[in-house]
């Protein structure tokens, strides 16, 4: 996917919005959970290259799978 071509003003505003979203209690809790589980899995000798933690499935899945249809539909629970 190509990078967005935004004006300087739009880039600054987007960075502010993204930062605000990333700092919500829900997102901070998800990040902490992800870090905790990645450290634990790495210690156990698991190879996590190319994998992200899916908070719906409660397991590590490919980056591609974790980016698809998870925004608001929650489709990954059954898939």
C-alpha atoms as a PDB file:
ATOM      1  CA  UNK A   1       0.000   0.000   0.000  1.00  0.00           C
ATOM      2  CA  UNK A   2       1.503   3.358  -0.977  1.00  0.00           C
ATOM      3  CA  UNK A   3       2.133   6.010   1.609  1.00  0.00           C
ATOM      4  CA  UNK A   4      -0.526   8.686   1.989  1.00  0.00           C
ATOM      5  CA  UNK A   5       0.367  11.946   0.306  1.00  0.00           C
ATOM      6  CA  UNK A   6      -0.794  14.508   2.839  1.00  0.00           C
ATOM      7  CA  UNK A   7      -0.044  18.169   3.227  1.00  0.00           C
ATOM      8  CA  UNK A   8       2.207  19.170   6.111  1.00  0.00           C
ATOM      9  CA  UNK A   9      -0.814  20.455   8.037  1.00  0.00           C
ATOM     10  CA  UNK A  10      -2.752  17.231   7.450  1.00  0.00           C
ATOM     11  CA  UNK A  11       0.252  15.117   8.512  1.00  0.00           C
ATOM     12  CA  UNK A  12       0.501  16.987  11.802  1.00  0.00           C
ATOM     13  CA  UNK A  13      -3.218  16.639  12.479  1.00  0.00           C
ATOM     14  CA  UNK A  14      -3.155  12.931  11.610  1.00  0.00           C
ATOM     15  CA  UNK A  15      -0.184  12.377  13.921  1.00  0.00           C
ATOM     16  CA  UNK A  16      -2.112  14.075  16.735  1.00  0.00           C
ATOM     17  CA  UNK A  17      -5.209  11.933  16.124  1.00  0.00           C
ATOM     18  CA  UNK A  18      -3.172   8.736  15.898  1.00  0.00           C
ATOM     19  CA  UNK A  19      -1.327   9.549  19.122  1.00  0.00           C
ATOM     20  CA  UNK A  20      -4.580  10.306  20.960  1.00  0.00           C
ATOM     21  CA  UNK A  21      -6.075   7.008  19.796  1.00  0.00           C
ATOM     22  CA  UNK A  22      -2.955   5.065  20.785  1.00  0.00           C
ATOM     23  CA  UNK A  23      -3.036   6.547  24.284  1.00  0.00           C
ATOM     24  CA  UNK A  24      -6.603   5.535  25.151  1.00  0.00           C
ATOM     25  CA  UNK A  25      -6.848   3.153  28.119  1.00  0.00           C
ATOM     26  CA  UNK A  26      -8.078   0.320  25.881  1.00  0.00           C
ATOM     27  CA  UNK A  27      -5.204   0.643  23.412  1.00  0.00           C
ATOM     28  CA  UNK A  28      -2.612   0.974  26.182  1.00  0.00           C
ATOM     29  CA  UNK A  29      -3.947  -2.194  27.825  1.00  0.00           C
ATOM     30  CA  UNK A  30      -3.825  -4.039  24.492  1.00  0.00           C
ATOM     31  CA  UNK A  31      -0.244  -2.901  23.895  1.00  0.00           C
ATOM     32  CA  UNK A  32       0.820  -4.023  27.379  1.00  0.00           C
ATOM     33  CA  UNK A  33      -0.839  -7.416  26.859  1.00  0.00           C
ATOM     34  CA  UNK A  34       0.875  -7.817  23.495  1.00  0.00           C
ATOM     35  CA  UNK A  35       4.299  -6.955  24.925  1.00  0.00           C
ATOM     36  CA  UNK A  36       3.830  -9.303  27.891  1.00  0.00           C
ATOM     37  CA  UNK A  37       2.810 -12.237  25.683  1.00  0.00           C
ATOM     38  CA  UNK A  38       5.558 -11.616  23.100  1.00  0.00           C
ATOM     39  CA  UNK A  39       8.218 -11.613  25.819  1.00  0.00           C
ATOM     40  CA  UNK A  40       6.804 -14.792  27.322  1.00  0.00           C
ATOM     41  CA  UNK A  41       6.650 -16.570  23.938  1.00  0.00           C
ATOM     42  CA  UNK A  42      10.178 -15.443  23.014  1.00  0.00           C
ATOM     43  CA  UNK A  43      11.481 -16.763  26.341  1.00  0.00           C
ATOM     44  CA  UNK A  44       9.777 -20.077  25.595  1.00  0.00           C
ATOM     45  CA  UNK A  45      11.724 -20.229  22.311  1.00  0.00           C
ATOM     46  CA  UNK A  46       8.884 -19.516  19.895  1.00  0.00           C
ATOM     47  CA  UNK A  47       9.668 -17.833  16.575  1.00  0.00           C
ATOM     48  CA  UNK A  48       7.325 -14.857  16.211  1.00  0.00           C
ATOM     49  CA  UNK A  49       8.752 -13.416  12.989  1.00  0.00           C
ATOM     50  CA  UNK A  50       5.882 -12.123  10.857  1.00  0.00           C
ATOM     51  CA  UNK A  51       3.302 -12.727  13.591  1.00  0.00           C
ATOM     52  CA  UNK A  52       1.109 -10.307  15.550  1.00  0.00           C
ATOM     53  CA  UNK A  53      -1.033 -11.023  18.580  1.00  0.00           C
ATOM     54  CA  UNK A  54      -4.730 -11.085  17.707  1.00  0.00           C
ATOM     55  CA  UNK A  55      -6.702  -9.921  20.739  1.00  0.00           C
ATOM     56  CA  UNK A  56      -9.915 -11.481  19.401  1.00  0.00           C
ATOM     57  CA  UNK A  57      -8.503 -14.959  18.810  1.00  0.00           C
ATOM     58  CA  UNK A  58      -6.129 -14.736  21.768  1.00  0.00           C
ATOM     59  CA  UNK A  59      -3.241 -16.127  19.715  1.00  0.00           C
ATOM     60  CA  UNK A  60      -0.444 -15.093  17.393  1.00  0.00           C
ATOM     61  CA  UNK A  61      -1.462 -14.895  13.733  1.00  0.00           C
ATOM     62  CA  UNK A  62       0.186 -13.566  10.582  1.00  0.00           C
ATOM     63  CA  UNK A  63       0.355  -9.805  10.189  1.00  0.00           C
ATOM     64  CA  UNK A  64      -1.782 -10.056   7.048  1.00  0.00           C
ATOM     65  CA  UNK A  65      -4.526 -11.996   8.811  1.00  0.00           C
ATOM     66  CA  UNK A  66      -4.501  -9.674  11.791  1.00  0.00           C
ATOM     67  CA  UNK A  67      -5.004  -6.599   9.591  1.00  0.00           C
ATOM     68  CA  UNK A  68      -8.028  -7.896   7.729  1.00  0.00           C
ATOM     69  CA  UNK A  69     -11.599  -7.141   8.829  1.00  0.00           C
ATOM     70  CA  UNK A  70     -10.785  -6.515  12.467  1.00  0.00           C
ATOM     71  CA  UNK A  71     -11.440  -2.805  12.714  1.00  0.00           C
ATOM     72  CA  UNK A  72     -15.054  -2.743  13.835  1.00  0.00           C
ATOM     73  CA  UNK A  73     -16.609  -5.956  12.560  1.00  0.00           C
ATOM     74  CA  UNK A  74     -14.771  -8.341  14.877  1.00  0.00           C
ATOM     75  CA  UNK A  75     -14.754 -10.961  12.093  1.00  0.00           C
ATOM     76  CA  UNK A  76     -11.703 -12.823  13.344  1.00  0.00           C
ATOM     77  CA  UNK A  77     -13.472 -14.544  16.244  1.00  0.00           C
ATOM     78  CA  UNK A  78     -14.822 -17.358  14.075  1.00  0.00           C
ATOM     79  CA  UNK A  79     -12.253 -17.318  11.285  1.00  0.00           C
END
